[in-house]
Amino acid sequence: MSEKTFNAENETQVKGRKRKDEIRRERELNDLRFVMGHEQGRRFIWRMLALTGITRSSFETNALSMAMKEGQRNVGLTLTAEIMEADTKSYLTMQLEAANMKEIDNAE
């Protein structure tokens, strides 16, 4: 099977590809809205964001270690931007839930 070639000068192809990209992007955002629409999903995302170190400095004296930390941090920043684009309110809800859990953990 041969791959269809894309001609950037063909207006119909450009519009078709743009529409497919819009549909794909909306599906991605809807997937994230679904996950963030559930308390369990927000807890999972919060844990993942914590693992990426978005609130910590990635400075290391070893360049390779710092590059790895900065790569992890970049993933976290990208995920945060995706959440903010999909549903800013869910991010705020997630922060409040995490703060409430921290209060409960500290009360014990």
C-alpha atoms as a PDB file:
ATOM      1  CA  MET A   1       0.000   0.000   0.000  1.00  0.00           C
ATOM      2  CA  SER A   2       1.438   3.387  -0.907  1.00  0.00           C
ATOM      3  CA  GLU A   3       1.292   6.368   1.404  1.00  0.00           C
ATOM      4  CA  LYS A   4      -0.764   9.318   0.213  1.00  0.00           C
ATOM      5  CA  THR A   5       1.409  12.338  -0.389  1.00  0.00           C
ATOM      6  CA  PHE A   6       0.438  15.703   0.990  1.00  0.00           C
ATOM      7  CA  ASN A   7       0.465  18.725  -1.279  1.00  0.00           C
ATOM      8  CA  ALA A   8       0.613  21.958   0.736  1.00  0.00           C
ATOM      9  CA  GLU A   9      -0.573  23.871  -2.324  1.00  0.00           C
ATOM     10  CA  ASN A  10      -3.780  21.839  -2.537  1.00  0.00           C
ATOM     11  CA  GLU A  11      -6.360  23.852  -0.585  1.00  0.00           C
ATOM     12  CA  THR A  12      -8.673  20.876  -0.129  1.00  0.00           C
ATOM     13  CA  GLN A  13      -5.870  18.776   1.374  1.00  0.00           C
ATOM     14  CA  VAL A  14      -4.779  21.634   3.632  1.00  0.00           C
ATOM     15  CA  LYS A  15      -8.330  22.164   4.918  1.00  0.00           C
ATOM     16  CA  GLY A  16      -8.827  18.428   5.378  1.00  0.00           C
ATOM     17  CA  ARG A  17      -5.617  18.044   7.342  1.00  0.00           C
ATOM     18  CA  LYS A  18      -6.425  21.098   9.447  1.00  0.00           C
ATOM     19  CA  ARG A  19      -9.852  19.657  10.268  1.00  0.00           C
ATOM     20  CA  LYS A  20      -8.330  16.281  11.207  1.00  0.00           C
ATOM     21  CA  ASP A  21      -5.815  18.048  13.457  1.00  0.00           C
ATOM     22  CA  GLU A  22      -8.625  19.998  15.160  1.00  0.00           C
ATOM     23  CA  ILE A  23     -10.623  16.809  15.735  1.00  0.00           C
ATOM     24  CA  ARG A  24      -7.553  14.998  17.107  1.00  0.00           C
ATOM     25  CA  ARG A  25      -6.740  17.903  19.439  1.00  0.00           C
ATOM     26  CA  GLU A  26     -10.303  18.124  20.746  1.00  0.00           C
ATOM     27  CA  ARG A  27     -10.244  14.369  21.416  1.00  0.00           C
ATOM     28  CA  GLU A  28      -6.977  14.755  23.367  1.00  0.00           C
ATOM     29  CA  LEU A  29      -8.439  17.571  25.461  1.00  0.00           C
ATOM     30  CA  ASN A  30     -11.638  15.595  26.049  1.00  0.00           C
ATOM     31  CA  ASP A  31      -9.580  12.619  27.242  1.00  0.00           C
ATOM     32  CA  LEU A  32      -7.839  14.879  29.741  1.00  0.00           C
ATOM     33  CA  ARG A  33     -11.145  16.446  30.807  1.00  0.00           C
ATOM     34  CA  PHE A  34     -12.450  12.941  31.493  1.00  0.00           C
ATOM     35  CA  VAL A  35      -9.471  12.029  33.689  1.00  0.00           C
ATOM     36  CA  MET A  36      -9.582  15.379  35.495  1.00  0.00           C
ATOM     37  CA  GLY A  37     -13.330  15.025  35.964  1.00  0.00           C
ATOM     38  CA  HIS A  38     -12.810  12.315  38.571  1.00  0.00           C
ATOM     39  CA  GLU A  39     -11.187  12.624  41.976  1.00  0.00           C
ATOM     40  CA  GLN A  40      -9.116   9.483  41.365  1.00  0.00           C
ATOM     41  CA  GLY A  41      -7.850  10.902  38.071  1.00  0.00           C
ATOM     42  CA  ARG A  42      -6.890  14.194  39.701  1.00  0.00           C
ATOM     43  CA  ARG A  43      -4.999  12.341  42.455  1.00  0.00           C
ATOM     44  CA  PHE A  44      -3.116  10.321  39.857  1.00  0.00           C
ATOM     45  CA  ILE A  45      -2.208  13.418  37.833  1.00  0.00           C
ATOM     46  CA  TRP A  46      -1.110  15.236  41.010  1.00  0.00           C
ATOM     47  CA  ARG A  47       1.247  12.344  41.836  1.00  0.00           C
ATOM     48  CA  MET A  48       2.654  12.389  38.322  1.00  0.00           C
ATOM     49  CA  LEU A  49       3.211  16.145  38.451  1.00  0.00           C
ATOM     50  CA  ALA A  50       4.996  15.750  41.799  1.00  0.00           C
ATOM     51  CA  LEU A  51       7.287  13.104  40.292  1.00  0.00           C
ATOM     52  CA  THR A  52       8.250  15.441  37.449  1.00  0.00           C
ATOM     53  CA  GLY A  53       9.565  18.049  39.875  1.00  0.00           C
ATOM     54  CA  ILE A  54       7.790  21.051  38.363  1.00  0.00           C
ATOM     55  CA  THR A  55       7.981  22.955  41.646  1.00  0.00           C
ATOM     56  CA  ARG A  56      11.631  22.133  42.351  1.00  0.00           C
ATOM     57  CA  SER A  57      14.842  23.403  40.873  1.00  0.00           C
ATOM     58  CA  SER A  58      16.459  20.990  38.449  1.00  0.00           C
ATOM     59  CA  PHE A  59      19.959  22.316  39.188  1.00  0.00           C
ATOM     60  CA  GLU A  60      22.655  19.681  39.596  1.00  0.00           C
ATOM     61  CA  THR A  61      26.418  19.958  39.429  1.00  0.00           C
ATOM     62  CA  ASN A  62      26.388  16.909  37.155  1.00  0.00           C
ATOM     63  CA  ALA A  63      25.188  18.028  33.699  1.00  0.00           C
ATOM     64  CA  LEU A  64      23.651  14.658  32.799  1.00  0.00           C
ATOM     65  CA  SER A  65      21.680  14.468  36.043  1.00  0.00           C
ATOM     66  CA  MET A  66      20.480  18.010  35.519  1.00  0.00           C
ATOM     67  CA  ALA A  67      19.470  17.235  31.930  1.00  0.00           C
ATOM     68  CA  MET A  68      17.436  14.266  33.123  1.00  0.00           C
ATOM     69  CA  LYS A  69      15.696  16.328  35.822  1.00  0.00           C
ATOM     70  CA  GLU A  70      14.993  19.107  33.346  1.00  0.00           C
ATOM     71  CA  GLY A  71      13.502  16.579  30.923  1.00  0.00           C
ATOM     72  CA  GLN A  72      11.213  15.254  33.647  1.00  0.00           C
ATOM     73  CA  ARG A  73      10.279  18.809  34.597  1.00  0.00           C
ATOM     74  CA  ASN A  74       9.481  19.623  30.971  1.00  0.00           C
ATOM     75  CA  VAL A  75       7.033  16.710  30.839  1.00  0.00           C
ATOM     76  CA  GLY A  76       5.342  18.062  33.970  1.00  0.00           C
ATOM     77  CA  LEU A  77       5.147  21.589  32.582  1.00  0.00           C
ATOM     78  CA  THR A  78       3.690  20.256  29.336  1.00  0.00           C
ATOM     79  CA  LEU A  79       1.067  18.248  31.235  1.00  0.00           C
ATOM     80  CA  THR A  80       0.207  21.308  33.320  1.00  0.00           C
ATOM     81  CA  ALA A  81      -0.255  23.407  30.173  1.00  0.00           C
ATOM     82  CA  GLU A  82      -2.473  20.682  28.697  1.00  0.00           C
ATOM     83  CA  ILE A  83      -4.639  20.618  31.827  1.00  0.00           C
ATOM     84  CA  MET A  84      -4.925  24.405  31.822  1.00  0.00           C
ATOM     85  CA  GLU A  85      -6.022  24.369  28.185  1.00  0.00           C
ATOM     86  CA  ALA A  86      -8.520  21.570  28.757  1.00  0.00           C
ATOM     87  CA  ASP A  87     -10.095  22.811  31.996  1.00  0.00           C
ATOM     88  CA  THR A  88      -8.494  25.367  34.298  1.00  0.00           C
ATOM     89  CA  LYS A  89     -11.089  24.749  37.015  1.00  0.00           C
ATOM     90  CA  SER A  90     -10.115  21.100  37.316  1.00  0.00           C
ATOM     91  CA  TYR A  91      -6.496  22.099  37.974  1.00  0.00           C
ATOM     92  CA  LEU A  92      -7.618  24.394  40.788  1.00  0.00           C
ATOM     93  CA  THR A  93      -9.857  21.638  42.180  1.00  0.00           C
ATOM     94  CA  MET A  94      -6.893  19.260  42.094  1.00  0.00           C
ATOM     95  CA  GLN A  95      -4.736  21.745  44.033  1.00  0.00           C
ATOM     96  CA  LEU A  96      -7.411  22.210  46.694  1.00  0.00           C
ATOM     97  CA  GLU A  97      -7.907  18.460  47.061  1.00  0.00           C
ATOM     98  CA  ALA A  98      -4.149  17.958  47.426  1.00  0.00           C
ATOM     99  CA  ALA A  99      -3.968  20.708  50.059  1.00  0.00           C
ATOM    100  CA  ASN A 100      -6.854  19.136  51.958  1.00  0.00           C
ATOM    101  CA  MET A 101      -5.136  15.733  51.908  1.00  0.00           C
ATOM    102  CA  LYS A 102      -1.945  17.328  53.193  1.00  0.00           C
ATOM    103  CA  GLU A 103      -3.893  18.845  56.104  1.00  0.00           C
ATOM    104  CA  ILE A 104      -5.415  15.461  56.896  1.00  0.00           C
ATOM    105  CA  ASP A 105      -2.007  13.752  56.719  1.00  0.00           C
ATOM    106  CA  ASN A 106      -0.473  16.382  59.015  1.00  0.00           C
ATOM    107  CA  ALA A 107      -3.316  16.050  61.553  1.00  0.00           C
ATOM    108  CA  GLU A 108      -2.450  12.425  62.284  1.00  0.00           C
END
